[in-house]
Amino acid sequence: EFDASRRALAWMDSRGIVTAQEHA
């Protein structure tokens, strides 16, 4: 579960899906 979340957050950041506030 932790790895899936790590992959999700890293991908969303690299793709510009979320802003810094949305990342939080």
mmCIF file of all heavy atoms, coordinates in Angstrom:
data_MODEL
# 
_entry.id   MODEL 
# 
loop_
_atom_site.group_PDB 
_atom_site.id 
_atom_site.type_symbol 
_atom_site.label_atom_id 
_atom_site.label_alt_id 
_atom_site.label_comp_id 
_atom_site.label_asym_id 
_atom_site.label_entity_id 
_atom_site.label_seq_id 
_atom_site.pdbx_PDB_ins_code 
_atom_site.Cartn_x 
_atom_site.Cartn_y 
_atom_site.Cartn_z 
_atom_site.occupancy 
_atom_site.B_iso_or_equiv 
_atom_site.pdbx_formal_charge 
_atom_site.auth_seq_id 
_atom_site.auth_comp_id 
_atom_site.auth_asym_id 
_atom_site.auth_atom_id 
_atom_site.pdbx_PDB_model_num 
ATOM 1   N N   . GLU A 1 1  ? 0.817  -1.205 0.000   1.00 0.00 ? 1  GLU A N   1 
ATOM 2   C CA  . GLU A 1 1  ? 0.000  0.000  0.000   1.00 0.00 ? 1  GLU A CA  1 
ATOM 3   C C   . GLU A 1 1  ? 0.860  1.269  0.000   1.00 0.00 ? 1  GLU A C   1 
ATOM 4   O O   . GLU A 1 1  ? 0.586  2.228  -0.731  1.00 0.00 ? 1  GLU A O   1 
ATOM 5   C CB  . GLU A 1 1  ? -0.935 0.004  1.210   1.00 0.00 ? 1  GLU A CB  1 
ATOM 6   C CG  . GLU A 1 1  ? -1.998 -1.080 1.183   1.00 0.00 ? 1  GLU A CG  1 
ATOM 7   C CD  . GLU A 1 1  ? -2.918 -0.945 -0.019  1.00 0.00 ? 1  GLU A CD  1 
ATOM 8   O OE1 . GLU A 1 1  ? -3.248 0.195  -0.413  1.00 0.00 ? 1  GLU A OE1 1 
ATOM 9   O OE2 . GLU A 1 1  ? -3.314 -1.991 -0.568  1.00 0.00 ? 1  GLU A OE2 1 
ATOM 10  N N   . PHE A 1 2  ? 1.907  1.273  0.823   1.00 0.00 ? 2  PHE A N   1 
ATOM 11  C CA  . PHE A 1 2  ? 2.792  2.441  0.875   1.00 0.00 ? 2  PHE A CA  1 
ATOM 12  C C   . PHE A 1 2  ? 3.478  2.682  -0.470  1.00 0.00 ? 2  PHE A C   1 
ATOM 13  O O   . PHE A 1 2  ? 3.626  3.824  -0.914  1.00 0.00 ? 2  PHE A O   1 
ATOM 14  C CB  . PHE A 1 2  ? 3.848  2.266  1.968   1.00 0.00 ? 2  PHE A CB  1 
ATOM 15  C CG  . PHE A 1 2  ? 3.299  2.342  3.363   1.00 0.00 ? 2  PHE A CG  1 
ATOM 16  C CD1 . PHE A 1 2  ? 3.741  1.465  4.353   1.00 0.00 ? 2  PHE A CD1 1 
ATOM 17  C CD2 . PHE A 1 2  ? 2.336  3.283  3.704   1.00 0.00 ? 2  PHE A CD2 1 
ATOM 18  C CE1 . PHE A 1 2  ? 3.236  1.535  5.644   1.00 0.00 ? 2  PHE A CE1 1 
ATOM 19  C CE2 . PHE A 1 2  ? 1.820  3.349  4.994   1.00 0.00 ? 2  PHE A CE2 1 
ATOM 20  C CZ  . PHE A 1 2  ? 2.270  2.480  5.968   1.00 0.00 ? 2  PHE A CZ  1 
ATOM 21  N N   . ASP A 1 3  ? 3.900  1.607  -1.115  1.00 0.00 ? 3  ASP A N   1 
ATOM 22  C CA  . ASP A 1 3  ? 4.576  1.739  -2.410  1.00 0.00 ? 3  ASP A CA  1 
ATOM 23  C C   . ASP A 1 3  ? 3.619  2.268  -3.478  1.00 0.00 ? 3  ASP A C   1 
ATOM 24  O O   . ASP A 1 3  ? 4.012  3.095  -4.315  1.00 0.00 ? 3  ASP A O   1 
ATOM 25  C CB  . ASP A 1 3  ? 5.139  0.385  -2.844  1.00 0.00 ? 3  ASP A CB  1 
ATOM 26  C CG  . ASP A 1 3  ? 5.848  0.450  -4.181  1.00 0.00 ? 3  ASP A CG  1 
ATOM 27  O OD1 . ASP A 1 3  ? 6.980  0.954  -4.235  1.00 0.00 ? 3  ASP A OD1 1 
ATOM 28  O OD2 . ASP A 1 3  ? 5.248  0.011  -5.190  1.00 0.00 ? 3  ASP A OD2 1 
ATOM 29  N N   . ALA A 1 4  ? 2.366  1.810  -3.457  1.00 0.00 ? 4  ALA A N   1 
ATOM 30  C CA  . ALA A 1 4  ? 1.389  2.296  -4.436  1.00 0.00 ? 4  ALA A CA  1 
ATOM 31  C C   . ALA A 1 4  ? 1.165  3.799  -4.262  1.00 0.00 ? 4  ALA A C   1 
ATOM 32  O O   . ALA A 1 4  ? 1.045  4.543  -5.246  1.00 0.00 ? 4  ALA A O   1 
ATOM 33  C CB  . ALA A 1 4  ? 0.071  1.537  -4.292  1.00 0.00 ? 4  ALA A CB  1 
ATOM 34  N N   . SER A 1 5  ? 1.112  4.262  -3.008  1.00 0.00 ? 5  SER A N   1 
ATOM 35  C CA  . SER A 1 5  ? 0.937  5.685  -2.744  1.00 0.00 ? 5  SER A CA  1 
ATOM 36  C C   . SER A 1 5  ? 2.167  6.473  -3.184  1.00 0.00 ? 5  SER A C   1 
ATOM 37  O O   . SER A 1 5  ? 2.055  7.575  -3.738  1.00 0.00 ? 5  SER A O   1 
ATOM 38  C CB  . SER A 1 5  ? 0.678  5.925  -1.252  1.00 0.00 ? 5  SER A CB  1 
ATOM 39  O OG  . SER A 1 5  ? -0.584 5.413  -0.874  1.00 0.00 ? 5  SER A OG  1 
ATOM 40  N N   . ARG A 1 6  ? 3.344  5.927  -2.935  1.00 0.00 ? 6  ARG A N   1 
ATOM 41  C CA  . ARG A 1 6  ? 4.582  6.592  -3.347  1.00 0.00 ? 6  ARG A CA  1 
ATOM 42  C C   . ARG A 1 6  ? 4.620  6.750  -4.866  1.00 0.00 ? 6  ARG A C   1 
ATOM 43  O O   . ARG A 1 6  ? 4.952  7.834  -5.384  1.00 0.00 ? 6  ARG A O   1 
ATOM 44  C CB  . ARG A 1 6  ? 5.787  5.775  -2.883  1.00 0.00 ? 6  ARG A CB  1 
ATOM 45  C CG  . ARG A 1 6  ? 7.126  6.372  -3.273  1.00 0.00 ? 6  ARG A CG  1 
ATOM 46  C CD  . ARG A 1 6  ? 8.271  5.414  -3.012  1.00 0.00 ? 6  ARG A CD  1 
ATOM 47  N NE  . ARG A 1 6  ? 8.153  4.177  -3.788  1.00 0.00 ? 6  ARG A NE  1 
ATOM 48  C CZ  . ARG A 1 6  ? 8.459  4.084  -5.077  1.00 0.00 ? 6  ARG A CZ  1 
ATOM 49  N NH1 . ARG A 1 6  ? 8.879  5.162  -5.740  1.00 0.00 ? 6  ARG A NH1 1 
ATOM 50  N NH2 . ARG A 1 6  ? 8.342  2.937  -5.702  1.00 0.00 ? 6  ARG A NH2 1 
ATOM 51  N N   . ARG A 1 7  ? 4.263  5.706  -5.577  1.00 0.00 ? 7  ARG A N   1 
ATOM 52  C CA  . ARG A 1 7  ? 4.232  5.762  -7.035  1.00 0.00 ? 7  ARG A CA  1 
ATOM 53  C C   . ARG A 1 7  ? 3.217  6.799  -7.506  1.00 0.00 ? 7  ARG A C   1 
ATOM 54  O O   . ARG A 1 7  ? 3.479  7.550  -8.456  1.00 0.00 ? 7  ARG A O   1 
ATOM 55  C CB  . ARG A 1 7  ? 3.868  4.391  -7.607  1.00 0.00 ? 7  ARG A CB  1 
ATOM 56  C CG  . ARG A 1 7  ? 4.925  3.314  -7.418  1.00 0.00 ? 7  ARG A CG  1 
ATOM 57  C CD  . ARG A 1 7  ? 4.404  1.954  -7.878  1.00 0.00 ? 7  ARG A CD  1 
ATOM 58  N NE  . ARG A 1 7  ? 5.257  0.858  -7.505  1.00 0.00 ? 7  ARG A NE  1 
ATOM 59  C CZ  . ARG A 1 7  ? 6.173  0.295  -8.293  1.00 0.00 ? 7  ARG A CZ  1 
ATOM 60  N NH1 . ARG A 1 7  ? 6.353  0.763  -9.519  1.00 0.00 ? 7  ARG A NH1 1 
ATOM 61  N NH2 . ARG A 1 7  ? 6.907  -0.715 -7.864  1.00 0.00 ? 7  ARG A NH2 1 
ATOM 62  N N   . ALA A 1 8  ? 2.062  6.818  -6.846  1.00 0.00 ? 8  ALA A N   1 
ATOM 63  C CA  . ALA A 1 8  ? 0.999  7.744  -7.245  1.00 0.00 ? 8  ALA A CA  1 
ATOM 64  C C   . ALA A 1 8  ? 1.432  9.199  -7.085  1.00 0.00 ? 8  ALA A C   1 
ATOM 65  O O   . ALA A 1 8  ? 1.276  10.016 -8.009  1.00 0.00 ? 8  ALA A O   1 
ATOM 66  C CB  . ALA A 1 8  ? -0.259 7.479  -6.412  1.00 0.00 ? 8  ALA A CB  1 
ATOM 67  N N   . LEU A 1 9  ? 1.980  9.534  -5.924  1.00 0.00 ? 9  LEU A N   1 
ATOM 68  C CA  . LEU A 1 9  ? 2.379  10.913 -5.659  1.00 0.00 ? 9  LEU A CA  1 
ATOM 69  C C   . LEU A 1 9  ? 3.530  11.345 -6.566  1.00 0.00 ? 9  LEU A C   1 
ATOM 70  O O   . LEU A 1 9  ? 3.534  12.481 -7.074  1.00 0.00 ? 9  LEU A O   1 
ATOM 71  C CB  . LEU A 1 9  ? 2.779  11.059 -4.190  1.00 0.00 ? 9  LEU A CB  1 
ATOM 72  C CG  . LEU A 1 9  ? 1.634  10.918 -3.184  1.00 0.00 ? 9  LEU A CG  1 
ATOM 73  C CD1 . LEU A 1 9  ? 2.184  10.801 -1.763  1.00 0.00 ? 9  LEU A CD1 1 
ATOM 74  C CD2 . LEU A 1 9  ? 0.673  12.106 -3.279  1.00 0.00 ? 9  LEU A CD2 1 
ATOM 75  N N   . ALA A 1 10 ? 4.494  10.466 -6.778  1.00 0.00 ? 10 ALA A N   1 
ATOM 76  C CA  . ALA A 1 10 ? 5.630  10.794 -7.648  1.00 0.00 ? 10 ALA A CA  1 
ATOM 77  C C   . ALA A 1 10 ? 5.168  11.033 -9.075  1.00 0.00 ? 10 ALA A C   1 
ATOM 78  O O   . ALA A 1 10 ? 5.613  11.988 -9.739  1.00 0.00 ? 10 ALA A O   1 
ATOM 79  C CB  . ALA A 1 10 ? 6.662  9.670  -7.602  1.00 0.00 ? 10 ALA A CB  1 
ATOM 80  N N   . TRP A 1 11 ? 4.268  10.193 -9.557  1.00 0.00 ? 11 TRP A N   1 
ATOM 81  C CA  . TRP A 1 11 ? 3.773  10.354 -10.927 1.00 0.00 ? 11 TRP A CA  1 
ATOM 82  C C   . TRP A 1 11 ? 2.968  11.641 -11.068 1.00 0.00 ? 11 TRP A C   1 
ATOM 83  O O   . TRP A 1 11 ? 3.140  12.376 -12.059 1.00 0.00 ? 11 TRP A O   1 
ATOM 84  C CB  . TRP A 1 11 ? 2.920  9.149  -11.332 1.00 0.00 ? 11 TRP A CB  1 
ATOM 85  C CG  . TRP A 1 11 ? 2.295  9.334  -12.687 1.00 0.00 ? 11 TRP A CG  1 
ATOM 86  C CD1 . TRP A 1 11 ? 2.898  9.148  -13.902 1.00 0.00 ? 11 TRP A CD1 1 
ATOM 87  C CD2 . TRP A 1 11 ? 0.972  9.806  -12.962 1.00 0.00 ? 11 TRP A CD2 1 
ATOM 88  N NE1 . TRP A 1 11 ? 2.033  9.460  -14.916 1.00 0.00 ? 11 TRP A NE1 1 
ATOM 89  C CE2 . TRP A 1 11 ? 0.830  9.861  -14.367 1.00 0.00 ? 11 TRP A CE2 1 
ATOM 90  C CE3 . TRP A 1 11 ? -0.108 10.167 -12.154 1.00 0.00 ? 11 TRP A CE3 1 
ATOM 91  C CZ2 . TRP A 1 11 ? -0.344 10.280 -14.984 1.00 0.00 ? 11 TRP A CZ2 1 
ATOM 92  C CZ3 . TRP A 1 11 ? -1.274 10.579 -12.765 1.00 0.00 ? 11 TRP A CZ3 1 
ATOM 93  C CH2 . TRP A 1 11 ? -1.398 10.632 -14.164 1.00 0.00 ? 11 TRP A CH2 1 
ATOM 94  N N   . MET A 1 12 ? 2.088  11.934 -10.115 1.00 0.00 ? 12 MET A N   1 
ATOM 95  C CA  . MET A 1 12 ? 1.275  13.149 -10.204 1.00 0.00 ? 12 MET A CA  1 
ATOM 96  C C   . MET A 1 12 ? 2.145  14.398 -10.205 1.00 0.00 ? 12 MET A C   1 
ATOM 97  O O   . MET A 1 12 ? 1.860  15.360 -10.910 1.00 0.00 ? 12 MET A O   1 
ATOM 98  C CB  . MET A 1 12 ? 0.267  13.204 -9.050  1.00 0.00 ? 12 MET A CB  1 
ATOM 99  C CG  . MET A 1 12 ? -0.890 12.231 -9.205  1.00 0.00 ? 12 MET A CG  1 
ATOM 100 S SD  . MET A 1 12 ? -2.265 12.553 -8.068  1.00 0.00 ? 12 MET A SD  1 
ATOM 101 C CE  . MET A 1 12 ? -1.490 12.193 -6.494  1.00 0.00 ? 12 MET A CE  1 
ATOM 102 N N   . ASP A 1 13 ? 3.217  14.387 -9.434  1.00 0.00 ? 13 ASP A N   1 
ATOM 103 C CA  . ASP A 1 13 ? 4.140  15.529 -9.420  1.00 0.00 ? 13 ASP A CA  1 
ATOM 104 C C   . ASP A 1 13 ? 4.865  15.667 -10.747 1.00 0.00 ? 13 ASP A C   1 
ATOM 105 O O   . ASP A 1 13 ? 4.964  16.766 -11.309 1.00 0.00 ? 13 ASP A O   1 
ATOM 106 C CB  . ASP A 1 13 ? 5.159  15.367 -8.293  1.00 0.00 ? 13 ASP A CB  1 
ATOM 107 C CG  . ASP A 1 13 ? 4.580  15.706 -6.928  1.00 0.00 ? 13 ASP A CG  1 
ATOM 108 O OD1 . ASP A 1 13 ? 3.514  16.355 -6.879  1.00 0.00 ? 13 ASP A OD1 1 
ATOM 109 O OD2 . ASP A 1 13 ? 5.184  15.307 -5.916  1.00 0.00 ? 13 ASP A OD2 1 
ATOM 110 N N   . SER A 1 14 ? 5.389  14.548 -11.252 1.00 0.00 ? 14 SER A N   1 
ATOM 111 C CA  . SER A 1 14 ? 6.165  14.594 -12.500 1.00 0.00 ? 14 SER A CA  1 
ATOM 112 C C   . SER A 1 14 ? 5.301  14.987 -13.687 1.00 0.00 ? 14 SER A C   1 
ATOM 113 O O   . SER A 1 14 ? 5.783  15.612 -14.635 1.00 0.00 ? 14 SER A O   1 
ATOM 114 C CB  . SER A 1 14 ? 6.823  13.239 -12.767 1.00 0.00 ? 14 SER A CB  1 
ATOM 115 O OG  . SER A 1 14 ? 5.847  12.242 -13.022 1.00 0.00 ? 14 SER A OG  1 
ATOM 116 N N   . ARG A 1 15 ? 4.016  14.651 -13.622 1.00 0.00 ? 15 ARG A N   1 
ATOM 117 C CA  . ARG A 1 15 ? 3.090  14.940 -14.717 1.00 0.00 ? 15 ARG A CA  1 
ATOM 118 C C   . ARG A 1 15 ? 2.412  16.298 -14.574 1.00 0.00 ? 15 ARG A C   1 
ATOM 119 O O   . ARG A 1 15 ? 1.703  16.744 -15.464 1.00 0.00 ? 15 ARG A O   1 
ATOM 120 C CB  . ARG A 1 15 ? 2.009  13.873 -14.774 1.00 0.00 ? 15 ARG A CB  1 
ATOM 121 C CG  . ARG A 1 15 ? 2.091  12.794 -15.823 1.00 0.00 ? 15 ARG A CG  1 
ATOM 122 C CD  . ARG A 1 15 ? 2.534  13.204 -17.196 1.00 0.00 ? 15 ARG A CD  1 
ATOM 123 N NE  . ARG A 1 15 ? 1.833  12.466 -18.215 1.00 0.00 ? 15 ARG A NE  1 
ATOM 124 C CZ  . ARG A 1 15 ? 1.130  13.015 -19.193 1.00 0.00 ? 15 ARG A CZ  1 
ATOM 125 N NH1 . ARG A 1 15 ? 1.025  14.321 -19.275 1.00 0.00 ? 15 ARG A NH1 1 
ATOM 126 N NH2 . ARG A 1 15 ? 0.546  12.265 -20.097 1.00 0.00 ? 15 ARG A NH2 1 
ATOM 127 N N   . GLY A 1 16 ? 2.629  16.944 -13.429 1.00 0.00 ? 16 GLY A N   1 
ATOM 128 C CA  . GLY A 1 16 ? 2.003  18.241 -13.200 1.00 0.00 ? 16 GLY A CA  1 
ATOM 129 C C   . GLY A 1 16 ? 0.506  18.143 -12.972 1.00 0.00 ? 16 GLY A C   1 
ATOM 130 O O   . GLY A 1 16 ? -0.233 19.094 -13.235 1.00 0.00 ? 16 GLY A O   1 
ATOM 131 N N   . ILE A 1 17 ? 0.069  16.990 -12.473 1.00 0.00 ? 17 ILE A N   1 
ATOM 132 C CA  . ILE A 1 17 ? -1.359 16.789 -12.225 1.00 0.00 ? 17 ILE A CA  1 
ATOM 133 C C   . ILE A 1 17 ? -1.823 17.644 -11.050 1.00 0.00 ? 17 ILE A C   1 
ATOM 134 O O   . ILE A 1 17 ? -2.950 18.137 -11.033 1.00 0.00 ? 17 ILE A O   1 
ATOM 135 C CB  . ILE A 1 17 ? -1.655 15.295 -11.910 1.00 0.00 ? 17 ILE A CB  1 
ATOM 136 C CG1 . ILE A 1 17 ? -1.191 14.399 -13.058 1.00 0.00 ? 17 ILE A CG1 1 
ATOM 137 C CG2 . ILE A 1 17 ? -3.143 15.080 -11.621 1.00 0.00 ? 17 ILE A CG2 1 
ATOM 138 C CD1 . ILE A 1 17 ? -1.925 14.616 -14.351 1.00 0.00 ? 17 ILE A CD1 1 
ATOM 139 N N   . VAL A 1 18 ? -0.945 17.836 -10.065 1.00 0.00 ? 18 VAL A N   1 
ATOM 140 C CA  . VAL A 1 18 ? -1.312 18.585 -8.855  1.00 0.00 ? 18 VAL A CA  1 
ATOM 141 C C   . VAL A 1 18 ? -0.329 19.721 -8.596  1.00 0.00 ? 18 VAL A C   1 
ATOM 142 O O   . VAL A 1 18 ? 0.843  19.642 -8.960  1.00 0.00 ? 18 VAL A O   1 
ATOM 143 C CB  . VAL A 1 18 ? -1.348 17.656 -7.616  1.00 0.00 ? 18 VAL A CB  1 
ATOM 144 C CG1 . VAL A 1 18 ? -2.484 16.665 -7.711  1.00 0.00 ? 18 VAL A CG1 1 
ATOM 145 C CG2 . VAL A 1 18 ? -0.015 16.925 -7.443  1.00 0.00 ? 18 VAL A CG2 1 
ATOM 146 N N   . THR A 1 19 ? -0.838 20.764 -7.962  1.00 0.00 ? 19 THR A N   1 
ATOM 147 C CA  . THR A 1 19 ? 0.012  21.846 -7.490  1.00 0.00 ? 19 THR A CA  1 
ATOM 148 C C   . THR A 1 19 ? 0.615  21.420 -6.151  1.00 0.00 ? 19 THR A C   1 
ATOM 149 O O   . THR A 1 19 ? 0.282  20.349 -5.615  1.00 0.00 ? 19 THR A O   1 
ATOM 150 C CB  . THR A 1 19 ? -0.803 23.127 -7.300  1.00 0.00 ? 19 THR A CB  1 
ATOM 151 O OG1 . THR A 1 19 ? -1.787 22.891 -6.268  1.00 0.00 ? 19 THR A OG1 1 
ATOM 152 C CG2 . THR A 1 19 ? -1.518 23.524 -8.590  1.00 0.00 ? 19 THR A CG2 1 
ATOM 153 N N   . ALA A 1 20 ? 1.474  22.265 -5.594  1.00 0.00 ? 20 ALA A N   1 
ATOM 154 C CA  . ALA A 1 20 ? 2.083  21.943 -4.297  1.00 0.00 ? 20 ALA A CA  1 
ATOM 155 C C   . ALA A 1 20 ? 1.016  21.793 -3.223  1.00 0.00 ? 20 ALA A C   1 
ATOM 156 O O   . ALA A 1 20 ? 1.079  20.881 -2.380  1.00 0.00 ? 20 ALA A O   1 
ATOM 157 C CB  . ALA A 1 20 ? 3.086  23.030 -3.910  1.00 0.00 ? 20 ALA A CB  1 
ATOM 158 N N   . GLN A 1 21 ? 0.017  22.673 -3.237  1.00 0.00 ? 21 GLN A N   1 
ATOM 159 C CA  . GLN A 1 21 ? -1.061 22.597 -2.246  1.00 0.00 ? 21 GLN A CA  1 
ATOM 160 C C   . GLN A 1 21 ? -1.898 21.337 -2.458  1.00 0.00 ? 21 GLN A C   1 
ATOM 161 O O   . GLN A 1 21 ? -2.269 20.656 -1.493  1.00 0.00 ? 21 GLN A O   1 
ATOM 162 C CB  . GLN A 1 21 ? -1.952 23.834 -2.338  1.00 0.00 ? 21 GLN A CB  1 
ATOM 163 C CG  . GLN A 1 21 ? -3.078 23.852 -1.298  1.00 0.00 ? 21 GLN A CG  1 
ATOM 164 C CD  . GLN A 1 21 ? -3.973 25.076 -1.432  1.00 0.00 ? 21 GLN A CD  1 
ATOM 165 O OE1 . GLN A 1 21 ? -3.888 25.815 -2.411  1.00 0.00 ? 21 GLN A OE1 1 
ATOM 166 N NE2 . GLN A 1 21 ? -4.831 25.292 -0.441  1.00 0.00 ? 21 GLN A NE2 1 
ATOM 167 N N   . GLU A 1 22 ? -2.180 21.018 -3.706  1.00 0.00 ? 22 GLU A N   1 
ATOM 168 C CA  . GLU A 1 22 ? -2.969 19.828 -4.007  1.00 0.00 ? 22 GLU A CA  1 
ATOM 169 C C   . GLU A 1 22 ? -2.189 18.557 -3.689  1.00 0.00 ? 22 GLU A C   1 
ATOM 170 O O   . GLU A 1 22 ? -2.769 17.555 -3.270  1.00 0.00 ? 22 GLU A O   1 
ATOM 171 C CB  . GLU A 1 22 ? -3.379 19.847 -5.485  1.00 0.00 ? 22 GLU A CB  1 
ATOM 172 C CG  . GLU A 1 22 ? -4.395 20.939 -5.805  1.00 0.00 ? 22 GLU A CG  1 
ATOM 173 C CD  . GLU A 1 22 ? -4.555 21.189 -7.298  1.00 0.00 ? 22 GLU A CD  1 
ATOM 174 O OE1 . GLU A 1 22 ? -3.706 20.692 -8.079  1.00 0.00 ? 22 GLU A OE1 1 
ATOM 175 O OE2 . GLU A 1 22 ? -5.492 21.892 -7.684  1.00 0.00 ? 22 GLU A OE2 1 
ATOM 176 N N   . HIS A 1 23 ? -0.868 18.607 -3.854  1.00 0.00 ? 23 HIS A N   1 
ATOM 177 C CA  . HIS A 1 23 ? -0.022 17.470 -3.488  1.00 0.00 ? 23 HIS A CA  1 
ATOM 178 C C   . HIS A 1 23 ? -0.167 17.175 -1.994  1.00 0.00 ? 23 HIS A C   1 
ATOM 179 O O   . HIS A 1 23 ? -0.273 16.010 -1.593  1.00 0.00 ? 23 HIS A O   1 
ATOM 180 C CB  . HIS A 1 23 ? 1.446  17.766 -3.820  1.00 0.00 ? 23 HIS A CB  1 
ATOM 181 C CG  . HIS A 1 23 ? 2.395  16.721 -3.308  1.00 0.00 ? 23 HIS A CG  1 
ATOM 182 N ND1 . HIS A 1 23 ? 2.826  15.665 -4.071  1.00 0.00 ? 23 HIS A ND1 1 
ATOM 183 C CD2 . HIS A 1 23 ? 2.988  16.568 -2.088  1.00 0.00 ? 23 HIS A CD2 1 
ATOM 184 C CE1 . HIS A 1 23 ? 3.630  14.897 -3.349  1.00 0.00 ? 23 HIS A CE1 1 
ATOM 185 N NE2 . HIS A 1 23 ? 3.750  15.433 -2.143  1.00 0.00 ? 23 HIS A NE2 1 
ATOM 186 N N   . ALA A 1 24 ? -0.161 18.231 -1.187  1.00 0.00 ? 24 ALA A N   1 
ATOM 187 C CA  . ALA A 1 24 ? -0.288 18.056 0.261   1.00 0.00 ? 24 ALA A CA  1 
ATOM 188 C C   . ALA A 1 24 ? -1.625 17.413 0.619   1.00 0.00 ? 24 ALA A C   1 
ATOM 189 O O   . ALA A 1 24 ? -1.694 16.545 1.498   1.00 0.00 ? 24 ALA A O   1 
ATOM 190 C CB  . ALA A 1 24 ? -0.146 19.403 0.959   1.00 0.00 ? 24 ALA A CB  1 
# 
